[in-house]
Amino acid sequence: MVKMKSFGDWQIRSGFRALEPSWEWIGIHPGITTSVMGALKRSINPNSQSLGLYICGGKGKFSRETPSELLQIADKTGLNGHELVRASKLSAKVDNTAIQDGYQLYLHNFILADNGSWSVVQQGMP
C-alpha cells in the first residue's frame, strides 16, 4: 500500500518564502522550484548518509533517473526500492494523466528519509 501526503499551497509558499525572503510574493516564481530543488540535491546528497535524507530526480532528463536513484538508495538503506519506484511513478502519473489541466511535468523530485518517509515535488507546464 502506498501512502501519499500532500502539502497545501500555503505550506509550499512558506517553504520557498523562507528560502527567498526578499522576493515579493505573488505566486510561485517560474524557475525557483527547479533552482531550489537542484541546490538542495547538490548540497544534501553528498552528506545524505549522515543526514538520513536523499533527493532524487530533477528537471527534464534528470527526472527520468529517479527510479534508478531510488533503487540505489534502497540498496544502501534496506528500504523497499520497488515500492518507492512505484510511488514515484504513480505520483507522476496522477499529475500527468488524472489531473486534466493540460500541464506536462518537467520537474519530478523524490525526497526520501532513512525511515521510509518520502515526499514528491513536481511542476508542470502547459
N, C-alpha and C. Protein backbone atom coordinates (compact mmCIF):
# COMPACT_ATOMS: atom_id res chain seq x y z
N MET A 1 0.84 -1.17 0.00
CA MET A 1 0.00 0.00 0.00
C MET A 1 0.89 1.24 0.00
N VAL A 2 0.56 2.19 -0.85
CA VAL A 2 1.33 3.42 -0.96
C VAL A 2 0.57 4.53 -0.24
N LYS A 3 1.23 5.16 0.70
CA LYS A 3 0.63 6.29 1.40
C LYS A 3 1.15 7.57 0.77
N MET A 4 0.25 8.49 0.45
CA MET A 4 0.66 9.76 -0.13
C MET A 4 0.19 10.89 0.76
N LYS A 5 1.06 11.84 0.98
CA LYS A 5 0.71 13.02 1.76
C LYS A 5 0.95 14.23 0.88
N SER A 6 0.01 15.11 0.87
CA SER A 6 0.12 16.31 0.05
C SER A 6 0.25 17.54 0.93
N PHE A 7 1.13 18.41 0.53
CA PHE A 7 1.26 19.68 1.23
C PHE A 7 0.36 20.69 0.56
N GLY A 8 -0.26 21.54 1.37
CA GLY A 8 -1.11 22.59 0.84
C GLY A 8 -0.29 23.71 0.22
N ASP A 9 -0.94 24.53 -0.58
CA ASP A 9 -0.29 25.64 -1.26
C ASP A 9 0.42 26.56 -0.27
N TRP A 10 -0.22 26.84 0.88
CA TRP A 10 0.40 27.74 1.86
C TRP A 10 1.68 27.15 2.43
N GLN A 11 1.76 25.82 2.55
CA GLN A 11 2.97 25.19 3.07
C GLN A 11 4.12 25.30 2.07
N ILE A 12 3.81 25.09 0.81
CA ILE A 12 4.83 25.21 -0.23
C ILE A 12 5.32 26.65 -0.30
N ARG A 13 4.39 27.59 -0.32
CA ARG A 13 4.77 29.01 -0.39
C ARG A 13 5.61 29.42 0.82
N SER A 14 5.25 28.94 1.99
CA SER A 14 6.01 29.28 3.20
C SER A 14 7.43 28.75 3.11
N GLY A 15 7.57 27.55 2.61
CA GLY A 15 8.90 26.97 2.47
C GLY A 15 9.77 27.75 1.51
N PHE A 16 9.22 28.14 0.36
CA PHE A 16 10.00 28.91 -0.59
C PHE A 16 10.22 30.34 -0.10
N ARG A 17 9.27 30.86 0.64
CA ARG A 17 9.42 32.20 1.21
C ARG A 17 10.60 32.22 2.18
N ALA A 18 10.77 31.15 2.94
CA ALA A 18 11.90 31.07 3.87
C ALA A 18 13.22 31.01 3.11
N LEU A 19 13.21 30.39 1.93
CA LEU A 19 14.43 30.29 1.14
C LEU A 19 14.70 31.54 0.32
N GLU A 20 13.71 32.32 0.03
CA GLU A 20 13.84 33.53 -0.78
C GLU A 20 13.07 34.67 -0.12
N PRO A 21 13.54 35.17 1.04
CA PRO A 21 12.77 36.13 1.83
C PRO A 21 12.61 37.51 1.19
N SER A 22 13.50 37.89 0.28
CA SER A 22 13.42 39.24 -0.28
C SER A 22 12.44 39.34 -1.45
N TRP A 23 11.93 38.23 -1.88
CA TRP A 23 11.07 38.22 -3.05
C TRP A 23 9.66 38.66 -2.69
N GLU A 24 9.09 39.56 -3.48
CA GLU A 24 7.69 39.97 -3.29
C GLU A 24 6.81 38.81 -3.73
N TRP A 25 6.05 38.27 -2.79
CA TRP A 25 5.30 37.05 -3.05
C TRP A 25 4.00 37.32 -3.78
N ILE A 26 3.96 36.88 -5.01
CA ILE A 26 2.74 36.97 -5.80
C ILE A 26 2.26 35.57 -6.12
N GLY A 27 3.15 34.73 -6.45
CA GLY A 27 2.89 33.33 -6.77
C GLY A 27 4.22 32.63 -6.79
N ILE A 28 4.22 31.38 -7.12
CA ILE A 28 5.49 30.67 -7.19
C ILE A 28 6.19 31.13 -8.46
N HIS A 29 7.33 31.75 -8.29
CA HIS A 29 8.10 32.32 -9.39
C HIS A 29 8.61 31.22 -10.31
N PRO A 30 8.41 31.38 -11.61
CA PRO A 30 8.90 30.35 -12.53
C PRO A 30 10.41 30.16 -12.37
N GLY A 31 10.82 28.95 -12.21
CA GLY A 31 12.24 28.66 -12.09
C GLY A 31 12.73 28.49 -10.67
N ILE A 32 12.03 29.07 -9.70
CA ILE A 32 12.54 28.97 -8.33
C ILE A 32 12.46 27.54 -7.81
N THR A 33 11.43 26.82 -8.18
CA THR A 33 11.29 25.43 -7.71
C THR A 33 12.45 24.59 -8.23
N THR A 34 12.74 24.69 -9.52
CA THR A 34 13.83 23.90 -10.08
C THR A 34 15.17 24.33 -9.50
N SER A 35 15.37 25.62 -9.30
CA SER A 35 16.63 26.11 -8.73
C SER A 35 16.82 25.63 -7.31
N VAL A 36 15.78 25.75 -6.49
CA VAL A 36 15.87 25.35 -5.09
C VAL A 36 16.08 23.84 -4.97
N MET A 37 15.32 23.06 -5.73
CA MET A 37 15.47 21.61 -5.64
C MET A 37 16.84 21.16 -6.15
N GLY A 38 17.34 21.79 -7.20
CA GLY A 38 18.67 21.45 -7.69
C GLY A 38 19.75 21.77 -6.66
N ALA A 39 19.62 22.94 -6.03
CA ALA A 39 20.59 23.33 -4.99
C ALA A 39 20.52 22.39 -3.79
N LEU A 40 19.31 22.03 -3.39
CA LEU A 40 19.16 21.11 -2.26
C LEU A 40 19.77 19.74 -2.58
N LYS A 41 19.52 19.25 -3.80
CA LYS A 41 20.07 17.95 -4.18
C LYS A 41 21.59 17.97 -4.16
N ARG A 42 22.18 19.04 -4.74
CA ARG A 42 23.65 19.14 -4.78
C ARG A 42 24.26 19.29 -3.39
N SER A 43 23.54 19.92 -2.47
CA SER A 43 24.13 20.14 -1.14
C SER A 43 23.82 19.01 -0.16
N ILE A 44 22.65 18.38 -0.29
CA ILE A 44 22.26 17.33 0.66
C ILE A 44 22.85 15.97 0.29
N ASN A 45 22.81 15.61 -0.98
CA ASN A 45 23.19 14.24 -1.36
C ASN A 45 24.62 13.84 -1.01
N PRO A 46 25.61 14.74 -1.08
CA PRO A 46 26.95 14.32 -0.65
C PRO A 46 27.01 13.94 0.84
N ASN A 47 26.08 14.45 1.63
CA ASN A 47 26.03 14.17 3.07
C ASN A 47 24.82 13.33 3.45
N SER A 48 24.21 12.67 2.47
CA SER A 48 22.93 12.00 2.69
C SER A 48 22.99 10.90 3.75
N GLN A 49 24.08 10.16 3.81
CA GLN A 49 24.13 9.06 4.78
C GLN A 49 24.13 9.60 6.21
N SER A 50 24.84 10.69 6.46
CA SER A 50 24.85 11.24 7.82
C SER A 50 23.56 12.00 8.13
N LEU A 51 22.93 12.58 7.10
CA LEU A 51 21.68 13.32 7.30
C LEU A 51 20.47 12.40 7.32
N GLY A 52 20.57 11.26 6.66
CA GLY A 52 19.42 10.36 6.55
C GLY A 52 18.38 10.88 5.59
N LEU A 53 18.81 11.69 4.62
CA LEU A 53 17.91 12.33 3.67
C LEU A 53 18.52 12.25 2.27
N TYR A 54 17.69 11.93 1.29
CA TYR A 54 18.15 11.78 -0.08
C TYR A 54 17.18 12.52 -1.00
N ILE A 55 17.72 13.13 -2.06
CA ILE A 55 16.87 13.80 -3.05
C ILE A 55 17.19 13.19 -4.41
N CYS A 56 16.16 12.68 -5.06
CA CYS A 56 16.31 12.03 -6.36
C CYS A 56 15.60 12.87 -7.43
N GLY A 57 15.95 12.58 -8.68
CA GLY A 57 15.26 13.21 -9.80
C GLY A 57 15.73 14.62 -10.06
N GLY A 58 14.87 15.38 -10.73
CA GLY A 58 15.20 16.74 -11.09
C GLY A 58 14.38 17.19 -12.27
N LYS A 59 14.98 18.08 -13.05
CA LYS A 59 14.30 18.67 -14.19
C LYS A 59 14.67 17.90 -15.47
N GLY A 60 13.68 17.74 -16.35
CA GLY A 60 13.93 17.13 -17.65
C GLY A 60 14.47 15.72 -17.56
N LYS A 61 15.62 15.48 -18.23
CA LYS A 61 16.17 14.12 -18.28
C LYS A 61 16.54 13.60 -16.90
N PHE A 62 16.85 14.48 -15.95
CA PHE A 62 17.19 14.04 -14.60
C PHE A 62 15.98 13.45 -13.88
N SER A 63 14.78 13.88 -14.27
CA SER A 63 13.57 13.32 -13.65
C SER A 63 13.43 11.84 -13.99
N ARG A 64 13.91 11.45 -15.16
CA ARG A 64 13.80 10.05 -15.59
C ARG A 64 14.83 9.15 -14.92
N GLU A 65 15.76 9.74 -14.19
CA GLU A 65 16.75 8.95 -13.44
C GLU A 65 16.25 8.58 -12.04
N THR A 66 15.08 9.10 -11.67
CA THR A 66 14.55 8.86 -10.33
C THR A 66 14.46 7.37 -9.97
N PRO A 67 13.89 6.50 -10.82
CA PRO A 67 13.80 5.09 -10.44
C PRO A 67 15.15 4.45 -10.12
N SER A 68 16.16 4.68 -10.95
CA SER A 68 17.46 4.07 -10.68
C SER A 68 18.10 4.66 -9.42
N GLU A 69 17.91 5.95 -9.18
CA GLU A 69 18.43 6.56 -7.96
C GLU A 69 17.75 5.96 -6.73
N LEU A 70 16.45 5.76 -6.81
CA LEU A 70 15.71 5.18 -5.68
C LEU A 70 16.17 3.75 -5.39
N LEU A 71 16.41 2.97 -6.43
CA LEU A 71 16.87 1.60 -6.23
C LEU A 71 18.27 1.56 -5.60
N GLN A 72 19.13 2.49 -5.99
CA GLN A 72 20.47 2.57 -5.39
C GLN A 72 20.37 2.92 -3.91
N ILE A 73 19.51 3.87 -3.58
CA ILE A 73 19.33 4.27 -2.18
C ILE A 73 18.74 3.12 -1.37
N ALA A 74 17.78 2.42 -1.96
CA ALA A 74 17.16 1.28 -1.27
C ALA A 74 18.19 0.21 -0.95
N ASP A 75 19.14 0.00 -1.85
CA ASP A 75 20.21 -0.98 -1.58
C ASP A 75 21.04 -0.56 -0.37
N LYS A 76 21.26 0.73 -0.21
CA LYS A 76 22.07 1.24 0.91
C LYS A 76 21.30 1.23 2.23
N THR A 77 19.99 1.49 2.15
CA THR A 77 19.20 1.70 3.37
C THR A 77 18.36 0.50 3.79
N GLY A 78 18.15 -0.44 2.89
CA GLY A 78 17.31 -1.59 3.21
C GLY A 78 15.83 -1.32 2.99
N LEU A 79 15.49 -0.17 2.41
CA LEU A 79 14.09 0.14 2.10
C LEU A 79 13.66 -0.64 0.87
N ASN A 80 12.35 -0.74 0.66
CA ASN A 80 11.81 -1.45 -0.49
C ASN A 80 11.87 -0.54 -1.72
N GLY A 81 12.90 -0.73 -2.53
CA GLY A 81 13.11 0.12 -3.69
C GLY A 81 11.99 0.05 -4.71
N HIS A 82 11.42 -1.13 -4.90
CA HIS A 82 10.36 -1.28 -5.90
C HIS A 82 9.09 -0.53 -5.47
N GLU A 83 8.80 -0.50 -4.18
CA GLU A 83 7.66 0.28 -3.69
C GLU A 83 7.91 1.78 -3.85
N LEU A 84 9.14 2.20 -3.62
CA LEU A 84 9.49 3.62 -3.79
C LEU A 84 9.38 4.03 -5.25
N VAL A 85 9.86 3.19 -6.16
CA VAL A 85 9.75 3.46 -7.59
C VAL A 85 8.28 3.52 -7.99
N ARG A 86 7.49 2.61 -7.47
CA ARG A 86 6.04 2.60 -7.76
C ARG A 86 5.39 3.90 -7.28
N ALA A 87 5.73 4.35 -6.09
CA ALA A 87 5.17 5.60 -5.56
C ALA A 87 5.58 6.78 -6.42
N SER A 88 6.82 6.80 -6.86
CA SER A 88 7.31 7.87 -7.72
C SER A 88 6.54 7.91 -9.04
N LYS A 89 6.39 6.75 -9.66
CA LYS A 89 5.70 6.68 -10.95
C LYS A 89 4.21 7.00 -10.80
N LEU A 90 3.60 6.54 -9.72
CA LEU A 90 2.17 6.83 -9.51
C LEU A 90 1.93 8.32 -9.31
N SER A 91 2.79 8.97 -8.55
CA SER A 91 2.58 10.40 -8.32
C SER A 91 2.74 11.18 -9.63
N ALA A 92 3.69 10.78 -10.46
CA ALA A 92 3.85 11.44 -11.76
C ALA A 92 2.66 11.16 -12.66
N LYS A 93 2.16 9.93 -12.62
CA LYS A 93 1.01 9.56 -13.45
C LYS A 93 -0.24 10.33 -13.06
N VAL A 94 -0.43 10.52 -11.75
CA VAL A 94 -1.59 11.28 -11.28
C VAL A 94 -1.53 12.71 -11.82
N ASP A 95 -0.37 13.35 -11.71
CA ASP A 95 -0.25 14.72 -12.20
C ASP A 95 -0.33 14.82 -13.71
N ASN A 96 0.22 13.86 -14.43
CA ASN A 96 0.23 13.92 -15.89
C ASN A 96 -1.07 13.44 -16.52
N THR A 97 -1.78 12.52 -15.88
CA THR A 97 -2.93 11.88 -16.51
C THR A 97 -4.24 12.16 -15.80
N ALA A 98 -4.29 11.93 -14.52
CA ALA A 98 -5.55 12.03 -13.79
C ALA A 98 -6.00 13.48 -13.61
N ILE A 99 -5.05 14.38 -13.44
CA ILE A 99 -5.40 15.80 -13.31
C ILE A 99 -5.43 16.38 -14.71
N GLN A 100 -6.62 16.67 -15.19
CA GLN A 100 -6.81 17.10 -16.58
C GLN A 100 -6.65 18.61 -16.71
N ASP A 101 -5.44 19.12 -16.47
CA ASP A 101 -5.23 20.56 -16.56
C ASP A 101 -4.38 20.95 -17.76
N GLY A 102 -3.95 19.98 -18.56
CA GLY A 102 -3.16 20.27 -19.74
C GLY A 102 -1.69 20.48 -19.47
N TYR A 103 -1.26 20.31 -18.24
CA TYR A 103 0.14 20.51 -17.89
C TYR A 103 0.90 19.20 -18.00
N GLN A 104 2.11 19.26 -18.54
CA GLN A 104 3.00 18.11 -18.59
C GLN A 104 4.15 18.35 -17.62
N LEU A 105 4.48 17.36 -16.83
CA LEU A 105 5.54 17.51 -15.84
C LEU A 105 6.89 17.73 -16.52
N TYR A 106 7.66 18.68 -15.99
CA TYR A 106 9.04 18.83 -16.42
C TYR A 106 9.98 18.75 -15.22
N LEU A 107 9.43 18.71 -14.01
CA LEU A 107 10.24 18.57 -12.80
C LEU A 107 9.62 17.49 -11.92
N HIS A 108 10.45 16.54 -11.50
CA HIS A 108 9.99 15.49 -10.59
C HIS A 108 11.14 15.19 -9.64
N ASN A 109 10.97 15.57 -8.39
CA ASN A 109 11.94 15.25 -7.34
C ASN A 109 11.28 14.37 -6.30
N PHE A 110 11.99 13.38 -5.86
CA PHE A 110 11.52 12.46 -4.83
C PHE A 110 12.45 12.63 -3.64
N ILE A 111 11.92 13.09 -2.52
CA ILE A 111 12.70 13.31 -1.31
C ILE A 111 12.42 12.14 -0.38
N LEU A 112 13.48 11.50 0.10
CA LEU A 112 13.36 10.27 0.86
C LEU A 112 14.19 10.33 2.13
N ALA A 113 13.61 9.87 3.24
CA ALA A 113 14.33 9.78 4.51
C ALA A 113 14.67 8.32 4.80
N ASP A 114 15.69 8.12 5.64
CA ASP A 114 16.12 6.77 6.02
C ASP A 114 14.99 5.92 6.60
N ASN A 115 14.04 6.57 7.27
CA ASN A 115 12.95 5.83 7.92
C ASN A 115 11.84 5.44 6.94
N GLY A 116 11.99 5.80 5.66
CA GLY A 116 11.00 5.44 4.65
C GLY A 116 10.00 6.53 4.34
N SER A 117 10.01 7.62 5.09
CA SER A 117 9.13 8.75 4.78
C SER A 117 9.59 9.39 3.47
N TRP A 118 8.64 9.87 2.70
CA TRP A 118 9.00 10.48 1.44
C TRP A 118 8.01 11.56 1.04
N SER A 119 8.44 12.39 0.12
CA SER A 119 7.59 13.44 -0.43
C SER A 119 8.01 13.65 -1.88
N VAL A 120 7.08 14.09 -2.69
CA VAL A 120 7.36 14.34 -4.10
C VAL A 120 7.10 15.82 -4.39
N VAL A 121 8.03 16.43 -5.13
CA VAL A 121 7.87 17.80 -5.61
C VAL A 121 7.82 17.71 -7.13
N GLN A 122 6.72 18.18 -7.72
CA GLN A 122 6.55 18.12 -9.17
C GLN A 122 6.07 19.48 -9.67
N GLN A 123 6.44 19.78 -10.91
CA GLN A 123 5.97 21.01 -11.52
C GLN A 123 5.78 20.75 -13.01
N GLY A 124 4.74 21.34 -13.57
CA GLY A 124 4.45 21.14 -14.97
C GLY A 124 4.22 22.44 -15.70
N MET A 125 4.19 22.33 -17.02
CA MET A 125 3.93 23.49 -17.89
C MET A 125 2.87 23.11 -18.91
N PRO A 126 2.09 24.11 -19.33
CA PRO A 126 1.09 23.82 -20.37
C PRO A 126 1.74 23.63 -21.73
